[in-house]
C-alpha atoms as a PDB file:
ATOM      1  CA  MET A   1      86.775  38.334  52.046  1.00  0.00           C
ATOM      2  CA  ALA A   2      86.381  36.790  48.639  1.00  0.00           C
ATOM      3  CA  THR A   3      83.214  34.458  48.051  1.00  0.00           C
ATOM      4  CA  ALA A   4      83.736  31.086  45.906  1.00  0.00           C
ATOM      5  CA  LYS A   5      82.097  31.602  42.344  1.00  0.00           C
ATOM      6  CA  THR A   6      78.751  30.278  41.318  1.00  0.00           C
ATOM      7  CA  GLY A   7      79.321  26.489  40.507  1.00  0.00           C
ATOM      8  CA  GLU A   8      82.666  26.233  42.191  1.00  0.00           C
ATOM      9  CA  PRO A   9      83.795  24.451  45.320  1.00  0.00           C
ATOM     10  CA  PRO A  10      84.578  27.174  47.997  1.00  0.00           C
ATOM     11  CA  ARG A  11      88.262  27.599  48.528  1.00  0.00           C
ATOM     12  CA  ALA A  12      89.988  29.113  51.752  1.00  0.00           C
ATOM     13  CA  GLU A  13      92.103  31.724  51.553  1.00  0.00           C
ATOM     14  CA  GLU A  14      95.815  31.440  52.598  1.00  0.00           C
ATOM     15  CA  ASN A  15      97.002  33.631  55.391  1.00  0.00           C
ATOM     16  CA  GLY A  16     100.812  31.974  55.703  1.00  0.00           C
ATOM     17  CA  HIS A  17      99.991  29.990  58.218  1.00  0.00           C
ATOM     18  CA  GLY A  18     100.086  26.333  56.815  1.00  0.00           C
ATOM     19  CA  ARG A  19      96.915  24.564  57.875  1.00  0.00           C
ATOM     20  CA  TYR A  20      95.485  27.674  59.661  1.00  0.00           C
ATOM     21  CA  VAL A  21      93.851  29.166  56.507  1.00  0.00           C
ATOM     22  CA  HIS A  22      91.334  31.592  56.128  1.00  0.00           C
ATOM     23  CA  VAL A  23      87.116  30.861  55.651  1.00  0.00           C
ATOM     24  CA  THR A  24      85.500  32.400  53.190  1.00  0.00           C
ATOM     25  CA  THR A  25      81.986  33.432  52.879  1.00  0.00           C
ATOM     26  CA  GLY A  26      81.644  30.588  50.455  1.00  0.00           C
ATOM     27  CA  ASP A  27      82.715  28.176  52.939  1.00  0.00           C
ATOM     28  CA  SER A  28      80.050  25.707  55.017  1.00  0.00           C
ATOM     29  CA  VAL A  29      79.399  26.054  58.545  1.00  0.00           C
ATOM     30  CA  ARG A  30      80.622  22.620  58.869  1.00  0.00           C
ATOM     31  CA  HIS A  31      83.839  23.522  57.671  1.00  0.00           C
ATOM     32  CA  LEU A  32      83.985  26.503  59.922  1.00  0.00           C
ATOM     33  CA  VAL A  33      83.226  24.104  63.173  1.00  0.00           C
ATOM     34  CA  ASN A  34      85.860  21.519  62.047  1.00  0.00           C
ATOM     35  CA  HIS A  35      88.737  24.240  61.372  1.00  0.00           C
ATOM     36  CA  PRO A  36      91.723  23.690  63.260  1.00  0.00           C
ATOM     37  CA  ALA A  37      91.823  26.549  64.852  1.00  0.00           C
ATOM     38  CA  PHE A  38      88.849  25.962  66.669  1.00  0.00           C
ATOM     39  CA  GLU A  39      89.493  22.007  67.541  1.00  0.00           C
ATOM     40  CA  GLY A  40      87.612  21.340  70.892  1.00  0.00           C
ATOM     41  CA  PHE A  41      84.989  24.124  70.497  1.00  0.00           C
ATOM     42  CA  GLY A  42      84.213  25.078  67.179  1.00  0.00           C
ATOM     43  CA  ARG A  43      80.627  23.847  67.744  1.00  0.00           C
ATOM     44  CA  LEU A  44      80.499  26.710  70.269  1.00  0.00           C
ATOM     45  CA  LEU A  45      81.073  29.238  67.577  1.00  0.00           C
ATOM     46  CA  LEU A  46      77.478  28.797  66.265  1.00  0.00           C
ATOM     47  CA  PRO A  47      74.131  29.976  67.434  1.00  0.00           C
ATOM     48  CA  ARG A  48      73.427  26.277  68.631  1.00  0.00           C
ATOM     49  CA  GLU A  49      75.506  23.424  69.361  1.00  0.00           C
ATOM     50  CA  ASN A  50      73.287  20.975  67.017  1.00  0.00           C
ATOM     51  CA  ASP A  51      73.706  23.322  64.054  1.00  0.00           C
ATOM     52  CA  ALA A  52      77.321  21.991  63.460  1.00  0.00           C
ATOM     53  CA  TYR A  53      76.116  18.384  62.697  1.00  0.00           C
ATOM     54  CA  SER A  54      73.314  19.222  60.110  1.00  0.00           C
ATOM     55  CA  SER A  55      73.959  22.311  58.344  1.00  0.00           C
ATOM     56  CA  ASP A  56      76.042  22.705  55.433  1.00  0.00           C
ATOM     57  CA  ILE A  57      74.815  26.096  54.457  1.00  0.00           C
ATOM     58  CA  SER A  58      77.623  28.534  53.302  1.00  0.00           C
ATOM     59  CA  LEU A  59      78.640  31.171  55.939  1.00  0.00           C
ATOM     60  CA  GLN A  60      77.289  33.687  53.091  1.00  0.00           C
ATOM     61  CA  ASN A  61      73.741  32.634  54.374  1.00  0.00           C
ATOM     62  CA  ILE A  62      74.646  32.345  58.173  1.00  0.00           C
ATOM     63  CA  GLN A  63      71.707  34.739  58.899  1.00  0.00           C
ATOM     64  CA  SER A  64      69.492  31.777  58.545  1.00  0.00           C
ATOM     65  CA  LEU A  65      70.962  30.333  61.648  1.00  0.00           C
ATOM     66  CA  MET A  66      70.035  33.899  63.573  1.00  0.00           C
ATOM     67  CA  PRO A  67      66.118  34.247  63.184  1.00  0.00           C
ATOM     68  CA  TYR A  68      65.785  37.146  65.866  1.00  0.00           C
ATOM     69  CA  HIS A  69      68.814  38.994  63.858  1.00  0.00           C
ATOM     70  CA  GLY A  70      68.861  41.468  60.973  1.00  0.00           C
ATOM     71  CA  GLN A  71      71.688  43.266  59.207  1.00  0.00           C
ATOM     72  CA  VAL A  72      74.052  40.353  59.388  1.00  0.00           C
ATOM     73  CA  ASP A  73      77.303  40.938  57.431  1.00  0.00           C
ATOM     74  CA  PRO A  74      78.751  37.854  56.017  1.00  0.00           C
ATOM     75  CA  ASP A  75      82.020  39.618  55.355  1.00  0.00           C
ATOM     76  CA  ALA A  76      82.002  41.127  58.987  1.00  0.00           C
ATOM     77  CA  VAL A  77      81.496  37.137  60.346  1.00  0.00           C
ATOM     78  CA  VAL A  78      84.321  35.769  58.547  1.00  0.00           C
ATOM     79  CA  GLY A  79      86.606  38.577  58.992  1.00  0.00           C
ATOM     80  CA  ALA A  80      86.238  38.306  62.419  1.00  0.00           C
ATOM     81  CA  VAL A  81      86.526  34.654  62.380  1.00  0.00           C
ATOM     82  CA  ASN A  82      89.557  34.757  60.553  1.00  0.00           C
ATOM     83  CA  HIS A  83      91.275  37.371  63.088  1.00  0.00           C
ATOM     84  CA  MET A  84      90.712  34.527  65.691  1.00  0.00           C
ATOM     85  CA  ILE A  85      92.273  31.852  63.200  1.00  0.00           C
ATOM     86  CA  ASP A  86      95.412  34.068  62.902  1.00  0.00           C
ATOM     87  CA  GLU A  87      95.569  34.668  66.539  1.00  0.00           C
ATOM     88  CA  ALA A  88      95.385  30.756  66.952  1.00  0.00           C
ATOM     89  CA  ALA A  89      98.250  30.124  64.124  1.00  0.00           C
ATOM     90  CA  ASP A  90     100.595  32.602  66.151  1.00  0.00           C
ATOM     91  CA  GLY A  91     100.194  30.231  69.238  1.00  0.00           C
ATOM     92  CA  LYS A  92      97.397  32.246  71.325  1.00  0.00           C
ATOM     93  CA  THR A  93      94.769  31.083  73.212  1.00  0.00           C
ATOM     94  CA  ILE A  94      91.284  32.171  71.785  1.00  0.00           C
ATOM     95  CA  PHE A  95      88.971  30.436  73.996  1.00  0.00           C
ATOM     96  CA  TYR A  96      88.899  30.174  77.634  1.00  0.00           C
ATOM     97  CA  ASP A  97      86.805  27.819  79.884  1.00  0.00           C
ATOM     98  CA  PHE A  98      85.348  29.651  82.919  1.00  0.00           C
ATOM     99  CA  TYR A  99      83.596  26.435  84.651  1.00  0.00           C
ATOM    100  CA  ASN A 100      86.264  23.901  86.023  1.00  0.00           C
ATOM    101  CA  ARG A 101      85.866  20.203  84.941  1.00  0.00           C
ATOM    102  CA  GLN A 102      84.116  19.448  88.578  1.00  0.00           C
ATOM    103  CA  LYS A 103      82.173  22.377  87.697  1.00  0.00           C
ATOM    104  CA  LYS A 104      81.083  20.377  84.307  1.00  0.00           C
ATOM    105  CA  ARG A 105      80.694  17.261  85.987  1.00  0.00           C
ATOM    106  CA  GLU A 106      78.402  18.341  88.297  1.00  0.00           C
ATOM    107  CA  ASP A 107      76.252  19.792  85.552  1.00  0.00           C
ATOM    108  CA  PRO A 108      77.037  18.738  82.156  1.00  0.00           C
ATOM    109  CA  THR A 109      75.154  21.904  80.512  1.00  0.00           C
ATOM    110  CA  LYS A 110      78.119  23.853  81.625  1.00  0.00           C
ATOM    111  CA  GLU A 111      80.045  22.058  78.463  1.00  0.00           C
ATOM    112  CA  HIS A 112      77.901  24.592  76.201  1.00  0.00           C
ATOM    113  CA  THR A 113      79.874  27.587  77.783  1.00  0.00           C
ATOM    114  CA  GLY A 114      83.235  29.410  77.383  1.00  0.00           C
ATOM    115  CA  LEU A 115      84.875  33.089  76.429  1.00  0.00           C
ATOM    116  CA  PHE A 116      86.443  33.779  73.267  1.00  0.00           C
ATOM    117  CA  PHE A 117      89.040  36.472  73.850  1.00  0.00           C
ATOM    118  CA  TYR A 118      90.024  38.988  71.542  1.00  0.00           C
ATOM    119  CA  ARG A 119      93.427  40.627  72.571  1.00  0.00           C
ATOM    120  CA  GLY A 120      94.023  44.590  72.994  1.00  0.00           C
ATOM    121  CA  GLU A 121      96.765  46.098  74.592  1.00  0.00           C
ATOM    122  CA  PRO A 122      98.388  44.301  77.460  1.00  0.00           C
ATOM    123  CA  GLY A 123      97.161  45.621  80.502  1.00  0.00           C
ATOM    124  CA  ALA A 124      94.013  47.710  79.010  1.00  0.00           C
ATOM    125  CA  PRO A 125      90.653  47.462  80.401  1.00  0.00           C
ATOM    126  CA  PHE A 126      88.530  44.834  79.161  1.00  0.00           C
ATOM    127  CA  ALA A 127      84.840  44.467  77.914  1.00  0.00           C
ATOM    128  CA  ILE A 128      82.703  41.423  77.842  1.00  0.00           C
ATOM    129  CA  LEU A 129      80.141  41.199  75.349  1.00  0.00           C
ATOM    130  CA  CYS A 130      76.737  39.174  75.485  1.00  0.00           C
ATOM    131  CA  PRO A 131      75.348  38.309  72.164  1.00  0.00           C
ATOM    132  CA  GLY A 132      71.474  37.689  71.981  1.00  0.00           C
ATOM    133  CA  GLY A 133      69.068  35.267  70.676  1.00  0.00           C
ATOM    134  CA  GLY A 134      66.323  35.114  72.633  1.00  0.00           C
ATOM    135  CA  PHE A 135      67.933  32.585  75.020  1.00  0.00           C
ATOM    136  CA  SER A 136      66.934  30.183  72.470  1.00  0.00           C
ATOM    137  CA  TYR A 137      70.410  30.733  70.608  1.00  0.00           C
ATOM    138  CA  VAL A 138      73.560  32.818  71.250  1.00  0.00           C
ATOM    139  CA  GLY A 139      74.359  34.951  68.059  1.00  0.00           C
ATOM    140  CA  SER A 140      78.157  35.499  68.512  1.00  0.00           C
ATOM    141  CA  LEU A 141      78.961  35.285  64.814  1.00  0.00           C
ATOM    142  CA  HIS A 142      76.922  38.612  64.203  1.00  0.00           C
ATOM    143  CA  GLU A 143      76.728  40.128  67.739  1.00  0.00           C
ATOM    144  CA  GLY A 144      79.564  39.108  69.610  1.00  0.00           C
ATOM    145  CA  PHE A 145      82.932  38.287  67.016  1.00  0.00           C
ATOM    146  CA  PRO A 146      82.505  41.608  64.778  1.00  0.00           C
ATOM    147  CA  LEU A 147      81.805  43.627  67.905  1.00  0.00           C
ATOM    148  CA  ALA A 148      84.967  42.320  69.930  1.00  0.00           C
ATOM    149  CA  LEU A 149      87.130  43.071  66.850  1.00  0.00           C
ATOM    150  CA  GLU A 150      86.156  46.639  66.599  1.00  0.00           C
ATOM    151  CA  ILE A 151      86.882  47.123  70.245  1.00  0.00           C
ATOM    152  CA  SER A 152      90.090  45.255  70.313  1.00  0.00           C
ATOM    153  CA  LYS A 153      91.040  47.347  66.791  1.00  0.00           C
ATOM    154  CA  ARG A 154      90.768  50.332  69.519  1.00  0.00           C
ATOM    155  CA  LYS A 155      93.376  48.761  72.055  1.00  0.00           C
ATOM    156  CA  TYR A 156      90.952  47.348  74.443  1.00  0.00           C
ATOM    157  CA  ASN A 157      90.486  43.595  75.432  1.00  0.00           C
ATOM    158  CA  ALA A 158      87.089  41.579  74.664  1.00  0.00           C
ATOM    159  CA  PHE A 159      85.565  38.859  75.578  1.00  0.00           C
ATOM    160  CA  VAL A 160      82.653  37.239  73.995  1.00  0.00           C
ATOM    161  CA  ILE A 161      80.579  34.761  76.395  1.00  0.00           C
ATOM    162  CA  ARG A 162      79.076  31.587  75.087  1.00  0.00           C
ATOM    163  CA  TYR A 163      76.530  30.893  77.724  1.00  0.00           C
ATOM    164  CA  ARG A 164      73.439  28.286  78.091  1.00  0.00           C
ATOM    165  CA  THR A 165      70.567  28.744  76.413  1.00  0.00           C
ATOM    166  CA  GLY A 166      67.167  28.012  77.698  1.00  0.00           C
ATOM    167  CA  SER A 167      67.175  29.781  80.839  1.00  0.00           C
ATOM    168  CA  GLN A 168      67.642  33.606  81.508  1.00  0.00           C
ATOM    169  CA  GLN A 169      68.752  32.715  85.200  1.00  0.00           C
ATOM    170  CA  ARG A 170      71.165  30.335  83.924  1.00  0.00           C
ATOM    171  CA  ALA A 171      72.790  32.531  81.314  1.00  0.00           C
ATOM    172  CA  THR A 172      73.183  35.394  84.100  1.00  0.00           C
ATOM    173  CA  GLU A 173      74.704  32.736  86.354  1.00  0.00           C
ATOM    174  CA  ASP A 174      77.052  32.209  83.494  1.00  0.00           C
ATOM    175  CA  LEU A 175      77.786  35.753  83.071  1.00  0.00           C
ATOM    176  CA  ALA A 176      78.343  36.692  86.617  1.00  0.00           C
ATOM    177  CA  ALA A 177      80.959  33.257  86.728  1.00  0.00           C
ATOM    178  CA  ALA A 178      82.958  34.367  83.452  1.00  0.00           C
ATOM    179  CA  ILE A 179      83.376  37.777  85.153  1.00  0.00           C
ATOM    180  CA  ALA A 180      84.549  36.227  88.272  1.00  0.00           C
ATOM    181  CA  TYR A 181      86.928  34.147  86.010  1.00  0.00           C
ATOM    182  CA  ILE A 182      88.302  36.958  84.251  1.00  0.00           C
ATOM    183  CA  PHE A 183      89.028  38.735  87.629  1.00  0.00           C
ATOM    184  CA  ALA A 184      90.777  36.164  89.033  1.00  0.00           C
ATOM    185  CA  ASN A 185      92.985  35.314  85.996  1.00  0.00           C
ATOM    186  CA  ALA A 186      93.548  38.973  84.898  1.00  0.00           C
ATOM    187  CA  ASP A 187      97.564  38.631  85.303  1.00  0.00           C
ATOM    188  CA  ARG A 188      97.611  35.523  82.910  1.00  0.00           C
ATOM    189  CA  LEU A 189      95.263  37.072  80.774  1.00  0.00           C
ATOM    190  CA  GLY A 190      96.854  40.441  80.357  1.00  0.00           C
ATOM    191  CA  VAL A 191      93.900  42.462  81.140  1.00  0.00           C
ATOM    192  CA  ARG A 192      93.091  45.368  83.695  1.00  0.00           C
ATOM    193  CA  THR A 193      89.877  44.674  85.859  1.00  0.00           C
ATOM    194  CA  ASP A 194      89.790  48.445  86.801  1.00  0.00           C
ATOM    195  CA  ASP A 195      87.195  50.175  84.273  1.00  0.00           C
ATOM    196  CA  TYR A 196      85.718  47.190  82.651  1.00  0.00           C
ATOM    197  CA  SER A 197      82.733  47.264  80.826  1.00  0.00           C
ATOM    198  CA  LEU A 198      79.898  45.367  80.158  1.00  0.00           C
ATOM    199  CA  TRP A 199      77.751  44.870  76.841  1.00  0.00           C
ATOM    200  CA  GLY A 200      74.917  43.298  76.184  1.00  0.00           C
ATOM    201  CA  ALA A 201      72.322  43.112  73.197  1.00  0.00           C
ATOM    202  CA  SER A 202      68.683  41.930  73.386  1.00  0.00           C
ATOM    203  CA  ALA A 203      68.600  38.789  75.569  1.00  0.00           C
ATOM    204  CA  GLY A 204      72.426  39.534  76.543  1.00  0.00           C
ATOM    205  CA  ALA A 205      71.247  42.986  77.308  1.00  0.00           C
ATOM    206  CA  ARG A 206      68.887  41.556  80.013  1.00  0.00           C
ATOM    207  CA  MET A 207      72.064  39.374  81.167  1.00  0.00           C
ATOM    208  CA  ALA A 208      73.847  42.676  81.637  1.00  0.00           C
ATOM    209  CA  GLY A 209      71.074  44.385  83.329  1.00  0.00           C
ATOM    210  CA  ASN A 210      70.430  41.716  85.661  1.00  0.00           C
ATOM    211  CA  ILE A 211      74.378  41.841  86.655  1.00  0.00           C
ATOM    212  CA  VAL A 212      74.124  45.688  87.182  1.00  0.00           C
ATOM    213  CA  LEU A 213      70.873  45.390  88.914  1.00  0.00           C
ATOM    214  CA  ARG A 214      71.785  42.867  91.581  1.00  0.00           C
ATOM    215  CA  GLY A 215      75.243  42.751  91.387  1.00  0.00           C
ATOM    216  CA  LEU A 216      77.797  39.310  90.603  1.00  0.00           C
ATOM    217  CA  ALA A 217      76.407  38.359  94.069  1.00  0.00           C
ATOM    218  CA  GLY A 218      73.108  37.843  93.494  1.00  0.00           C
ATOM    219  CA  TYR A 219      73.853  35.239  90.781  1.00  0.00           C
ATOM    220  CA  GLY A 220      76.913  33.540  92.363  1.00  0.00           C
ATOM    221  CA  GLY A 221      79.737  35.457  91.272  1.00  0.00           C
ATOM    222  CA  GLY A 222      80.932  36.921  94.548  1.00  0.00           C
ATOM    223  CA  GLY A 223      81.240  40.343  95.716  1.00  0.00           C
ATOM    224  CA  LEU A 224      83.417  41.748  92.585  1.00  0.00           C
ATOM    225  CA  PRO A 225      82.407  45.340  91.441  1.00  0.00           C
ATOM    226  CA  LYS A 226      80.017  46.555  88.914  1.00  0.00           C
ATOM    227  CA  PRO A 227      81.374  47.568  85.836  1.00  0.00           C
ATOM    228  CA  ALA A 228      82.307  50.992  85.034  1.00  0.00           C
ATOM    229  CA  THR A 229      80.124  51.158  81.804  1.00  0.00           C
ATOM    230  CA  VAL A 230      77.003  49.282  80.722  1.00  0.00           C
ATOM    231  CA  VAL A 231      76.273  49.192  77.183  1.00  0.00           C
ATOM    232  CA  ILE A 232      72.787  47.728  76.486  1.00  0.00           C
ATOM    233  CA  ALA A 233      71.415  47.532  72.936  1.00  0.00           C
ATOM    234  CA  TYR A 234      67.678  46.995  72.078  1.00  0.00           C
ATOM    235  CA  THR A 235      65.986  45.171  74.894  1.00  0.00           C
ATOM    236  CA  GLY A 236      62.569  45.203  76.402  1.00  0.00           C
ATOM    237  CA  GLN A 237      63.766  45.063  79.900  1.00  0.00           C
ATOM    238  CA  SER A 238      62.650  48.054  81.873  1.00  0.00           C
ATOM    239  CA  SER A 239      64.174  47.731  85.284  1.00  0.00           C
ATOM    240  CA  PHE A 240      66.454  50.288  86.550  1.00  0.00           C
ATOM    241  CA  SER A 241      68.248  51.746  89.418  1.00  0.00           C
ATOM    242  CA  LYS A 242      70.069  54.579  90.977  1.00  0.00           C
ATOM    243  CA  ASP A 243      72.991  52.309  91.192  1.00  0.00           C
ATOM    244  CA  PHE A 244      73.391  51.579  87.511  1.00  0.00           C
ATOM    245  CA  PRO A 245      76.575  52.544  86.037  1.00  0.00           C
ATOM    246  CA  PRO A 246      76.850  55.177  83.223  1.00  0.00           C
ATOM    247  CA  THR A 247      74.703  53.463  80.672  1.00  0.00           C
ATOM    248  CA  PHE A 248      75.121  53.756  76.744  1.00  0.00           C
ATOM    249  CA  LEU A 249      71.581  52.602  75.467  1.00  0.00           C
ATOM    250  CA  MET A 250      70.166  52.144  71.823  1.00  0.00           C
ATOM    251  CA  VAL A 251      67.281  50.691  69.848  1.00  0.00           C
ATOM    252  CA  SER A 252      65.548  51.772  66.720  1.00  0.00           C
ATOM    253  CA  ALA A 253      62.393  52.948  66.150  1.00  0.00           C
ATOM    254  CA  ASP A 254      61.363  50.053  63.783  1.00  0.00           C
ATOM    255  CA  ASP A 255      62.709  47.339  66.052  1.00  0.00           C
ATOM    256  CA  ARG A 256      59.658  44.807  65.789  1.00  0.00           C
ATOM    257  CA  ILE A 257      60.950  42.516  69.070  1.00  0.00           C
ATOM    258  CA  ALA A 258      62.173  45.524  71.699  1.00  0.00           C
ATOM    259  CA  ASP A 259      59.662  48.229  71.809  1.00  0.00           C
ATOM    260  CA  ALA A 260      61.118  51.168  71.295  1.00  0.00           C
ATOM    261  CA  SER A 261      58.788  53.074  73.830  1.00  0.00           C
ATOM    262  CA  VAL A 262      59.675  50.908  76.758  1.00  0.00           C
ATOM    263  CA  VAL A 263      63.729  51.776  76.056  1.00  0.00           C
ATOM    264  CA  ASP A 264      62.529  55.533  75.703  1.00  0.00           C
ATOM    265  CA  ALA A 265      60.973  55.209  78.952  1.00  0.00           C
ATOM    266  CA  ARG A 266      63.883  53.282  80.412  1.00  0.00           C
ATOM    267  CA  ALA A 267      66.227  55.942  79.330  1.00  0.00           C
ATOM    268  CA  GLY A 268      63.894  58.401  81.229  1.00  0.00           C
ATOM    269  CA  ASP A 269      63.744  56.485  84.339  1.00  0.00           C
ATOM    270  CA  LEU A 270      67.534  56.064  84.690  1.00  0.00           C
ATOM    271  CA  ARG A 271      68.271  59.551  84.108  1.00  0.00           C
ATOM    272  CA  SER A 272      65.334  60.802  86.664  1.00  0.00           C
ATOM    273  CA  ALA A 273      66.988  58.435  89.242  1.00  0.00           C
ATOM    274  CA  GLY A 274      70.585  60.174  88.773  1.00  0.00           C
ATOM    275  CA  VAL A 275      72.033  57.749  86.117  1.00  0.00           C
ATOM    276  CA  GLU A 276      74.188  59.520  83.283  1.00  0.00           C
ATOM    277  CA  VAL A 277      72.763  57.847  80.174  1.00  0.00           C
ATOM    278  CA  GLU A 278      73.603  58.574  76.314  1.00  0.00           C
ATOM    279  CA  TYR A 279      70.881  57.404  74.385  1.00  0.00           C
ATOM    280  CA  ARG A 280      70.495  56.569  70.656  1.00  0.00           C
ATOM    281  CA  ARG A 281      67.291  56.102  68.718  1.00  0.00           C
ATOM    282  CA  TYR A 282      67.863  55.016  65.432  1.00  0.00           C
ATOM    283  CA  SER A 283      65.405  54.841  62.804  1.00  0.00           C
ATOM    284  CA  ASN A 284      65.674  52.017  60.370  1.00  0.00           C
ATOM    285  CA  ALA A 285      68.101  49.666  61.947  1.00  0.00           C
ATOM    286  CA  GLY A 286      65.546  47.160  63.008  1.00  0.00           C
ATOM    287  CA  HIS A 287      66.287  44.330  65.586  1.00  0.00           C
ATOM    288  CA  GLY A 288      69.544  42.589  66.145  1.00  0.00           C
ATOM    289  CA  PHE A 289      71.524  45.181  63.870  1.00  0.00           C
ATOM    290  CA  GLY A 290      74.962  44.233  65.451  1.00  0.00           C
ATOM    291  CA  LEU A 291      77.480  46.754  64.206  1.00  0.00           C
ATOM    292  CA  GLY A 292      74.576  48.409  62.195  1.00  0.00           C
ATOM    293  CA  THR A 293      76.054  48.157  58.533  1.00  0.00           C
ATOM    294  CA  GLY A 294      73.839  49.708  55.914  1.00  0.00           C
ATOM    295  CA  THR A 295      71.830  51.443  58.546  1.00  0.00           C
ATOM    296  CA  ASP A 296      71.720  54.768  60.489  1.00  0.00           C
ATOM    297  CA  ALA A 297      73.283  53.010  63.548  1.00  0.00           C
ATOM    298  CA  ASP A 298      76.146  52.282  61.561  1.00  0.00           C
ATOM    299  CA  GLY A 299      79.239  53.504  63.771  1.00  0.00           C
ATOM    300  CA  TRP A 300      77.552  53.496  66.808  1.00  0.00           C
ATOM    301  CA  ILE A 301      80.316  51.462  68.572  1.00  0.00           C
ATOM    302  CA  GLU A 302      82.857  54.175  68.254  1.00  0.00           C
ATOM    303  CA  ASP A 303      80.202  56.322  70.351  1.00  0.00           C
ATOM    304  CA  ALA A 304      80.102  53.239  72.728  1.00  0.00           C
ATOM    305  CA  VAL A 305      83.744  53.010  73.105  1.00  0.00           C
ATOM    306  CA  ARG A 306      83.935  57.086  73.583  1.00  0.00           C
ATOM    307  CA  PHE A 307      81.401  57.088  76.512  1.00  0.00           C
ATOM    308  CA  TRP A 308      83.247  54.372  78.328  1.00  0.00           C
ATOM    309  CA  GLU A 309      86.873  55.852  78.031  1.00  0.00           C
ATOM    310  CA  ARG A 310      84.652  58.962  79.457  1.00  0.00           C
ATOM    311  CA  HIS A 311      84.083  57.016  82.456  1.00  0.00           C
ATOM    312  CA  MET A 312      87.322  55.196  82.987  1.00  0.00           C
ATOM    313  CA  ALA A 313      89.380  56.368  86.278  1.00  0.00           C
ATOM    314  CA  LYS A 314      92.061  59.104  85.297  1.00  0.00           C
END
């Protein structure tokens, strides 16, 4: 995507859909939040809700709002956002509330939740992605939307969850509620519930690990099945069980937040418990690398999708 030249005001790129113009890396965070495609939920695109009201930084510098993340590619961020803008321009719903109004009245913090939807082929299995952020923010712009776009390009449906921050327990409860919502509305959403996969990165990987360890019922999500595959990226969580689904696990040796030796041990423990594990240990990707662009992790998402495909029912 083009960036506005120095000294010039940023210009939105036309996409043939009238007021639903594309954003550029030169546009501000405030401009993104106020875009008509995201009316009513624009603030939930951002790592923290209050970022929408205080930041005039450009999307080129969006990494400054995600201090736990590295390798943030502004072009990938903008490309994934513009995909949603095009979907909205075509009249498609791109955001779903998984808590109803009564639940939100009972607990106003649930106003800060929802699912962003990247469509694949109708009736294809779905993935649900849980970005990280240390439970202090949600890094969807880097660790959710660009990944979901890549999955949808491979014809699968992908959801990015916006969960409540401040508590691992509440965040995992949100994930359980979101999965239950997708199952209950699968026909309307056009997704297949068989063979769904669960993806988590850093704090989001803890949420995914909690679900596969205790099941959805352990977090109020009912007796729904566990995912066919789980993709766990760079987390220090060490819990495991023989009941884990096939697991794609990854970390970088130079990760300063998630100790690679802890992930090494978890991979070994899972394998000893009889769980099929595909483990990627990179060298120079750091922490929170998202797509891994510019590192030796670049291309990992293709490997993860193939791993998921191998474990779909034939």
